[in-house]
Amino acid sequence: MMTIRLFISLNIFFGFLLLVSCNVKKNQDLSLLQIDSKAATKFINKDDYLFLDVRSIEEHKVKAIPNTPNIPVQELENRIDELEIYRDKKIVVYCRSGNRSKLGTEILTKNGYDAVNLIGGMNQWEGPIISEQ
């Protein structure tokens, strides 16, 4: 009887440790899925990188990083197939401040893409920009 209790207690204990360690790893991974403006500007002209704007079409027309596709974050899951041709690239996801792009990064990562969130978005972008207006 004592052996069974010990066995059950050890299983519960190790199960708890496993659960906690998985949650810590998950939180650590989120911090690795970000890049700041200064670092990101180094990749703007690299063939193995794609910058993706997840703001509205109107925001993209006003100011954007050159040569970047635009898929609003609320449409991203339904339009994910449009990015299949970029599956072999690292995708730098951006918006105005970094909030929508964080969600976009999570959606892309969940779908098997190698994506990072541009911290601070266009508000902190130090690289080239274009405008259609």
N, C-alpha and C. Protein backbone atom coordinates (compact mmCIF):
# COMPACT_ATOMS: atom_id res chain seq x y z
N MET A 1 0.82 -1.20 0.00
CA MET A 1 0.00 0.00 0.00
C MET A 1 0.87 1.27 0.00
N MET A 2 1.92 1.26 0.82
CA MET A 2 2.83 2.39 0.89
C MET A 2 3.54 2.60 -0.44
N THR A 3 3.87 1.53 -1.13
CA THR A 3 4.55 1.61 -2.42
C THR A 3 3.64 2.26 -3.46
N ILE A 4 2.37 1.93 -3.44
CA ILE A 4 1.42 2.50 -4.40
C ILE A 4 1.27 4.00 -4.16
N ARG A 5 1.17 4.40 -2.88
CA ARG A 5 1.06 5.83 -2.58
C ARG A 5 2.30 6.59 -3.02
N LEU A 6 3.45 6.00 -2.76
CA LEU A 6 4.71 6.62 -3.18
C LEU A 6 4.76 6.74 -4.70
N PHE A 7 4.37 5.71 -5.40
CA PHE A 7 4.36 5.70 -6.86
C PHE A 7 3.43 6.80 -7.40
N ILE A 8 2.23 6.90 -6.83
CA ILE A 8 1.27 7.91 -7.27
C ILE A 8 1.79 9.31 -6.96
N SER A 9 2.35 9.50 -5.77
CA SER A 9 2.89 10.81 -5.39
C SER A 9 4.03 11.23 -6.31
N LEU A 10 4.92 10.31 -6.64
CA LEU A 10 6.02 10.61 -7.54
C LEU A 10 5.52 10.96 -8.94
N ASN A 11 4.51 10.25 -9.42
CA ASN A 11 3.94 10.55 -10.73
C ASN A 11 3.31 11.94 -10.75
N ILE A 12 2.61 12.29 -9.70
CA ILE A 12 2.00 13.62 -9.63
C ILE A 12 3.10 14.68 -9.59
N PHE A 13 4.13 14.46 -8.78
CA PHE A 13 5.22 15.41 -8.65
C PHE A 13 5.94 15.61 -9.99
N PHE A 14 6.31 14.53 -10.65
CA PHE A 14 7.02 14.64 -11.92
C PHE A 14 6.12 15.20 -13.03
N GLY A 15 4.85 14.88 -12.97
CA GLY A 15 3.90 15.47 -13.92
C GLY A 15 3.82 16.97 -13.75
N PHE A 16 3.80 17.42 -12.50
CA PHE A 16 3.79 18.85 -12.22
C PHE A 16 5.07 19.51 -12.73
N LEU A 17 6.22 18.90 -12.48
CA LEU A 17 7.49 19.45 -12.97
C LEU A 17 7.51 19.55 -14.49
N LEU A 18 6.98 18.55 -15.15
CA LEU A 18 6.92 18.56 -16.61
C LEU A 18 6.03 19.69 -17.10
N LEU A 19 4.89 19.87 -16.48
CA LEU A 19 3.97 20.93 -16.85
C LEU A 19 4.61 22.30 -16.66
N VAL A 20 5.26 22.52 -15.53
CA VAL A 20 5.90 23.80 -15.25
C VAL A 20 7.02 24.06 -16.24
N SER A 21 7.83 23.05 -16.52
CA SER A 21 8.95 23.26 -17.44
C SER A 21 8.46 23.56 -18.85
N CYS A 22 7.36 22.97 -19.28
CA CYS A 22 6.80 23.26 -20.60
C CYS A 22 6.31 24.70 -20.67
N ASN A 23 5.68 25.19 -19.61
CA ASN A 23 5.20 26.57 -19.60
C ASN A 23 6.36 27.56 -19.60
N VAL A 24 7.43 27.26 -18.90
CA VAL A 24 8.58 28.14 -18.91
C VAL A 24 9.18 28.18 -20.31
N LYS A 25 9.31 27.04 -20.95
CA LYS A 25 9.86 26.99 -22.31
C LYS A 25 8.98 27.79 -23.25
N LYS A 26 7.66 27.65 -23.12
CA LYS A 26 6.75 28.38 -24.00
C LYS A 26 6.95 29.88 -23.85
N ASN A 27 7.07 30.37 -22.62
CA ASN A 27 7.27 31.80 -22.40
C ASN A 27 8.62 32.25 -22.92
N GLN A 28 9.64 31.43 -22.78
CA GLN A 28 10.95 31.79 -23.31
C GLN A 28 10.90 31.89 -24.82
N ASP A 29 10.19 30.99 -25.47
CA ASP A 29 10.10 31.00 -26.93
C ASP A 29 9.49 32.30 -27.43
N LEU A 30 8.50 32.84 -26.70
CA LEU A 30 7.85 34.07 -27.15
C LEU A 30 8.85 35.23 -27.20
N SER A 31 9.78 35.27 -26.25
CA SER A 31 10.76 36.35 -26.27
C SER A 31 11.74 36.19 -27.43
N LEU A 32 11.93 34.97 -27.90
CA LEU A 32 12.83 34.74 -29.02
C LEU A 32 12.18 35.08 -30.35
N LEU A 33 10.88 35.32 -30.37
CA LEU A 33 10.16 35.59 -31.61
C LEU A 33 10.03 37.08 -31.88
N GLN A 34 11.03 37.86 -31.45
CA GLN A 34 10.98 39.31 -31.63
C GLN A 34 12.30 39.82 -32.19
N ILE A 35 12.22 40.95 -32.88
CA ILE A 35 13.41 41.61 -33.40
C ILE A 35 13.18 43.11 -33.31
N ASP A 36 14.23 43.86 -32.97
CA ASP A 36 14.06 45.31 -32.91
C ASP A 36 14.39 45.94 -34.26
N SER A 37 14.05 47.19 -34.39
CA SER A 37 14.19 47.89 -35.67
C SER A 37 15.63 47.91 -36.17
N LYS A 38 16.56 48.20 -35.28
CA LYS A 38 17.96 48.30 -35.68
C LYS A 38 18.45 46.98 -36.27
N ALA A 39 18.13 45.87 -35.62
CA ALA A 39 18.54 44.56 -36.12
C ALA A 39 17.80 44.22 -37.41
N ALA A 40 16.52 44.54 -37.48
CA ALA A 40 15.71 44.19 -38.65
C ALA A 40 16.16 44.93 -39.91
N THR A 41 16.64 46.16 -39.76
CA THR A 41 17.07 46.92 -40.95
C THR A 41 18.21 46.22 -41.69
N LYS A 42 18.95 45.39 -40.99
CA LYS A 42 20.05 44.65 -41.63
C LYS A 42 19.55 43.59 -42.60
N PHE A 43 18.27 43.20 -42.45
CA PHE A 43 17.72 42.12 -43.26
C PHE A 43 16.78 42.59 -44.36
N ILE A 44 16.58 43.90 -44.49
CA ILE A 44 15.59 44.45 -45.41
C ILE A 44 15.84 44.03 -46.86
N ASN A 45 17.07 43.89 -47.26
CA ASN A 45 17.39 43.53 -48.65
C ASN A 45 17.91 42.11 -48.80
N LYS A 46 17.71 41.29 -47.80
CA LYS A 46 18.18 39.90 -47.85
C LYS A 46 17.09 39.02 -48.48
N ASP A 47 17.51 38.18 -49.40
CA ASP A 47 16.56 37.31 -50.12
C ASP A 47 15.88 36.28 -49.23
N ASP A 48 16.50 35.92 -48.11
CA ASP A 48 15.91 34.90 -47.26
C ASP A 48 15.00 35.48 -46.17
N TYR A 49 14.67 36.78 -46.30
CA TYR A 49 13.76 37.44 -45.36
C TYR A 49 12.60 38.08 -46.13
N LEU A 50 11.44 38.09 -45.48
CA LEU A 50 10.27 38.77 -46.01
C LEU A 50 9.68 39.61 -44.88
N PHE A 51 9.41 40.87 -45.17
CA PHE A 51 8.71 41.73 -44.21
C PHE A 51 7.24 41.72 -44.59
N LEU A 52 6.37 41.45 -43.61
CA LEU A 52 4.93 41.35 -43.84
C LEU A 52 4.20 42.38 -42.99
N ASP A 53 3.41 43.22 -43.64
CA ASP A 53 2.61 44.24 -42.97
C ASP A 53 1.24 43.66 -42.64
N VAL A 54 0.87 43.66 -41.36
CA VAL A 54 -0.44 43.13 -40.97
C VAL A 54 -1.40 44.24 -40.54
N ARG A 55 -1.11 45.47 -40.95
CA ARG A 55 -2.01 46.59 -40.69
C ARG A 55 -3.11 46.62 -41.75
N SER A 56 -3.99 47.59 -41.64
CA SER A 56 -5.04 47.77 -42.65
C SER A 56 -4.43 48.21 -43.97
N ILE A 57 -5.18 48.04 -45.05
CA ILE A 57 -4.73 48.47 -46.37
C ILE A 57 -4.48 49.98 -46.38
N GLU A 58 -5.36 50.73 -45.71
CA GLU A 58 -5.22 52.18 -45.66
C GLU A 58 -3.92 52.59 -44.97
N GLU A 59 -3.60 51.95 -43.84
CA GLU A 59 -2.36 52.26 -43.13
C GLU A 59 -1.14 51.94 -44.00
N HIS A 60 -1.22 50.83 -44.71
CA HIS A 60 -0.11 50.41 -45.58
C HIS A 60 0.14 51.43 -46.68
N LYS A 61 -0.93 52.01 -47.23
CA LYS A 61 -0.78 53.00 -48.30
C LYS A 61 -0.12 54.28 -47.79
N VAL A 62 -0.38 54.65 -46.55
CA VAL A 62 0.16 55.89 -45.99
C VAL A 62 1.66 55.78 -45.75
N LYS A 63 2.10 54.65 -45.19
CA LYS A 63 3.52 54.48 -44.88
C LYS A 63 3.80 52.99 -44.70
N ALA A 64 4.82 52.49 -45.40
CA ALA A 64 5.15 51.07 -45.31
C ALA A 64 6.63 50.84 -45.56
N ILE A 65 7.09 49.69 -45.17
CA ILE A 65 8.44 49.25 -45.51
C ILE A 65 8.38 48.81 -46.97
N PRO A 66 9.35 49.23 -47.80
CA PRO A 66 9.29 48.91 -49.24
C PRO A 66 9.21 47.40 -49.53
N ASN A 67 8.48 47.09 -50.60
CA ASN A 67 8.37 45.72 -51.13
C ASN A 67 7.81 44.72 -50.12
N THR A 68 6.81 45.16 -49.36
CA THR A 68 6.22 44.27 -48.37
C THR A 68 4.77 43.98 -48.70
N PRO A 69 4.41 42.69 -48.69
CA PRO A 69 2.99 42.37 -48.87
C PRO A 69 2.19 42.84 -47.66
N ASN A 70 0.90 43.02 -47.86
CA ASN A 70 0.02 43.51 -46.81
C ASN A 70 -1.17 42.57 -46.68
N ILE A 71 -1.26 41.91 -45.52
CA ILE A 71 -2.43 41.08 -45.19
C ILE A 71 -2.86 41.51 -43.79
N PRO A 72 -3.98 42.22 -43.66
CA PRO A 72 -4.44 42.63 -42.34
C PRO A 72 -4.56 41.44 -41.39
N VAL A 73 -4.16 41.65 -40.14
CA VAL A 73 -4.08 40.55 -39.18
C VAL A 73 -5.41 39.81 -39.03
N GLN A 74 -6.53 40.52 -39.13
CA GLN A 74 -7.83 39.86 -38.98
C GLN A 74 -8.15 38.94 -40.16
N GLU A 75 -7.40 39.06 -41.26
CA GLU A 75 -7.59 38.20 -42.43
C GLU A 75 -6.50 37.14 -42.56
N LEU A 76 -5.50 37.21 -41.72
CA LEU A 76 -4.31 36.38 -41.90
C LEU A 76 -4.59 34.88 -41.89
N GLU A 77 -5.35 34.41 -40.94
CA GLU A 77 -5.62 32.96 -40.88
C GLU A 77 -6.34 32.47 -42.13
N ASN A 78 -7.27 33.27 -42.65
CA ASN A 78 -8.01 32.86 -43.85
C ASN A 78 -7.19 32.99 -45.12
N ARG A 79 -6.14 33.83 -45.08
CA ARG A 79 -5.32 34.06 -46.28
C ARG A 79 -3.91 33.47 -46.16
N ILE A 80 -3.71 32.61 -45.19
CA ILE A 80 -2.39 32.06 -44.91
C ILE A 80 -1.76 31.36 -46.12
N ASP A 81 -2.59 30.79 -46.99
CA ASP A 81 -2.08 30.10 -48.17
C ASP A 81 -1.34 31.04 -49.12
N GLU A 82 -1.65 32.33 -49.08
CA GLU A 82 -0.96 33.30 -49.93
C GLU A 82 0.52 33.40 -49.60
N LEU A 83 0.88 32.97 -48.40
CA LEU A 83 2.27 33.07 -47.96
C LEU A 83 3.06 31.79 -48.20
N GLU A 84 2.43 30.79 -48.76
CA GLU A 84 3.10 29.50 -48.98
C GLU A 84 4.40 29.66 -49.78
N ILE A 85 4.42 30.57 -50.73
CA ILE A 85 5.63 30.75 -51.55
C ILE A 85 6.79 31.33 -50.73
N TYR A 86 6.50 31.81 -49.52
CA TYR A 86 7.54 32.37 -48.65
C TYR A 86 7.89 31.44 -47.49
N ARG A 87 7.45 30.21 -47.56
CA ARG A 87 7.64 29.28 -46.44
C ARG A 87 9.11 29.09 -46.09
N ASP A 88 10.00 29.21 -47.05
CA ASP A 88 11.43 29.01 -46.78
C ASP A 88 12.12 30.28 -46.26
N LYS A 89 11.37 31.35 -46.09
CA LYS A 89 11.95 32.62 -45.62
C LYS A 89 11.62 32.87 -44.15
N LYS A 90 12.44 33.68 -43.52
CA LYS A 90 12.12 34.17 -42.19
C LYS A 90 11.23 35.40 -42.41
N ILE A 91 10.08 35.42 -41.77
CA ILE A 91 9.11 36.51 -41.97
C ILE A 91 9.17 37.46 -40.79
N VAL A 92 9.43 38.73 -41.09
CA VAL A 92 9.42 39.79 -40.08
C VAL A 92 8.05 40.45 -40.18
N VAL A 93 7.25 40.28 -39.14
CA VAL A 93 5.87 40.76 -39.15
C VAL A 93 5.81 42.13 -38.46
N TYR A 94 5.16 43.10 -39.14
CA TYR A 94 5.08 44.43 -38.53
C TYR A 94 3.70 45.03 -38.64
N CYS A 95 3.44 45.99 -37.75
CA CYS A 95 2.20 46.77 -37.74
C CYS A 95 2.58 48.19 -37.31
N ARG A 96 1.69 48.89 -36.67
CA ARG A 96 1.99 50.26 -36.24
C ARG A 96 2.87 50.26 -34.99
N SER A 97 2.49 49.45 -33.98
CA SER A 97 3.20 49.51 -32.70
C SER A 97 3.78 48.18 -32.22
N GLY A 98 3.41 47.09 -32.86
CA GLY A 98 3.92 45.78 -32.45
C GLY A 98 2.88 44.87 -31.85
N ASN A 99 1.67 45.38 -31.60
CA ASN A 99 0.63 44.55 -30.98
C ASN A 99 -0.03 43.60 -31.98
N ARG A 100 -0.50 44.13 -33.09
CA ARG A 100 -1.12 43.27 -34.11
C ARG A 100 -0.10 42.32 -34.71
N SER A 101 1.12 42.80 -34.87
CA SER A 101 2.15 41.93 -35.45
C SER A 101 2.53 40.81 -34.50
N LYS A 102 2.40 41.02 -33.20
CA LYS A 102 2.63 39.93 -32.24
C LYS A 102 1.62 38.81 -32.49
N LEU A 103 0.35 39.17 -32.66
CA LEU A 103 -0.68 38.20 -32.98
C LEU A 103 -0.40 37.54 -34.33
N GLY A 104 -0.01 38.34 -35.32
CA GLY A 104 0.33 37.79 -36.63
C GLY A 104 1.48 36.80 -36.56
N THR A 105 2.48 37.13 -35.76
CA THR A 105 3.63 36.23 -35.57
C THR A 105 3.17 34.91 -34.96
N GLU A 106 2.29 34.98 -33.98
CA GLU A 106 1.77 33.76 -33.36
C GLU A 106 0.99 32.92 -34.36
N ILE A 107 0.18 33.55 -35.19
CA ILE A 107 -0.59 32.82 -36.21
C ILE A 107 0.35 32.13 -37.19
N LEU A 108 1.35 32.85 -37.67
CA LEU A 108 2.30 32.28 -38.63
C LEU A 108 3.09 31.13 -38.01
N THR A 109 3.56 31.33 -36.79
CA THR A 109 4.34 30.29 -36.12
C THR A 109 3.49 29.03 -35.91
N LYS A 110 2.25 29.23 -35.52
CA LYS A 110 1.33 28.11 -35.32
C LYS A 110 1.12 27.32 -36.61
N ASN A 111 1.26 28.00 -37.75
CA ASN A 111 1.08 27.37 -39.05
C ASN A 111 2.41 26.93 -39.69
N GLY A 112 3.46 26.89 -38.90
CA GLY A 112 4.72 26.35 -39.36
C GLY A 112 5.68 27.31 -40.05
N TYR A 113 5.39 28.60 -39.98
CA TYR A 113 6.27 29.59 -40.59
C TYR A 113 7.32 30.04 -39.58
N ASP A 114 8.46 30.46 -40.08
CA ASP A 114 9.53 31.02 -39.25
C ASP A 114 9.31 32.52 -39.22
N ALA A 115 8.66 33.02 -38.16
CA ALA A 115 8.25 34.42 -38.10
C ALA A 115 8.72 35.09 -36.82
N VAL A 116 9.00 36.38 -36.93
CA VAL A 116 9.36 37.19 -35.77
C VAL A 116 8.58 38.50 -35.80
N ASN A 117 8.30 39.02 -34.61
CA ASN A 117 7.57 40.27 -34.45
C ASN A 117 8.54 41.44 -34.43
N LEU A 118 8.27 42.47 -35.24
CA LEU A 118 9.07 43.68 -35.21
C LEU A 118 8.63 44.52 -34.01
N ILE A 119 9.47 44.58 -33.00
CA ILE A 119 9.15 45.32 -31.77
C ILE A 119 8.95 46.80 -32.10
N GLY A 120 7.86 47.35 -31.64
CA GLY A 120 7.59 48.78 -31.84
C GLY A 120 7.00 49.13 -33.19
N GLY A 121 6.95 48.17 -34.11
CA GLY A 121 6.34 48.38 -35.42
C GLY A 121 6.87 49.60 -36.15
N MET A 122 5.99 50.21 -36.94
CA MET A 122 6.37 51.38 -37.73
C MET A 122 6.71 52.58 -36.83
N ASN A 123 6.17 52.60 -35.62
CA ASN A 123 6.48 53.70 -34.69
C ASN A 123 7.98 53.78 -34.39
N GLN A 124 8.65 52.63 -34.38
CA GLN A 124 10.07 52.61 -34.05
C GLN A 124 10.95 52.23 -35.23
N TRP A 125 10.37 52.05 -36.41
CA TRP A 125 11.13 51.63 -37.59
C TRP A 125 12.14 52.70 -37.98
N GLU A 126 13.38 52.28 -38.17
CA GLU A 126 14.47 53.19 -38.52
C GLU A 126 14.96 52.99 -39.95
N GLY A 127 14.31 52.12 -40.69
CA GLY A 127 14.75 51.82 -42.04
C GLY A 127 13.98 52.59 -43.09
N PRO A 128 14.14 52.20 -44.35
CA PRO A 128 13.46 52.90 -45.45
C PRO A 128 11.95 52.73 -45.39
N ILE A 129 11.24 53.75 -45.90
CA ILE A 129 9.78 53.69 -45.98
C ILE A 129 9.33 54.22 -47.33
N ILE A 130 8.12 53.82 -47.71
CA ILE A 130 7.49 54.32 -48.94
C ILE A 130 6.09 54.80 -48.57
N SER A 131 5.51 55.58 -49.46
CA SER A 131 4.15 56.07 -49.27
C SER A 131 3.47 56.18 -50.61
N GLU A 132 2.21 55.76 -50.68
CA GLU A 132 1.43 55.90 -51.89
C GLU A 132 0.63 57.19 -51.90
N GLN A 133 0.76 57.99 -50.87
CA GLN A 133 0.00 59.23 -50.78
C GLN A 133 0.89 60.44 -50.82
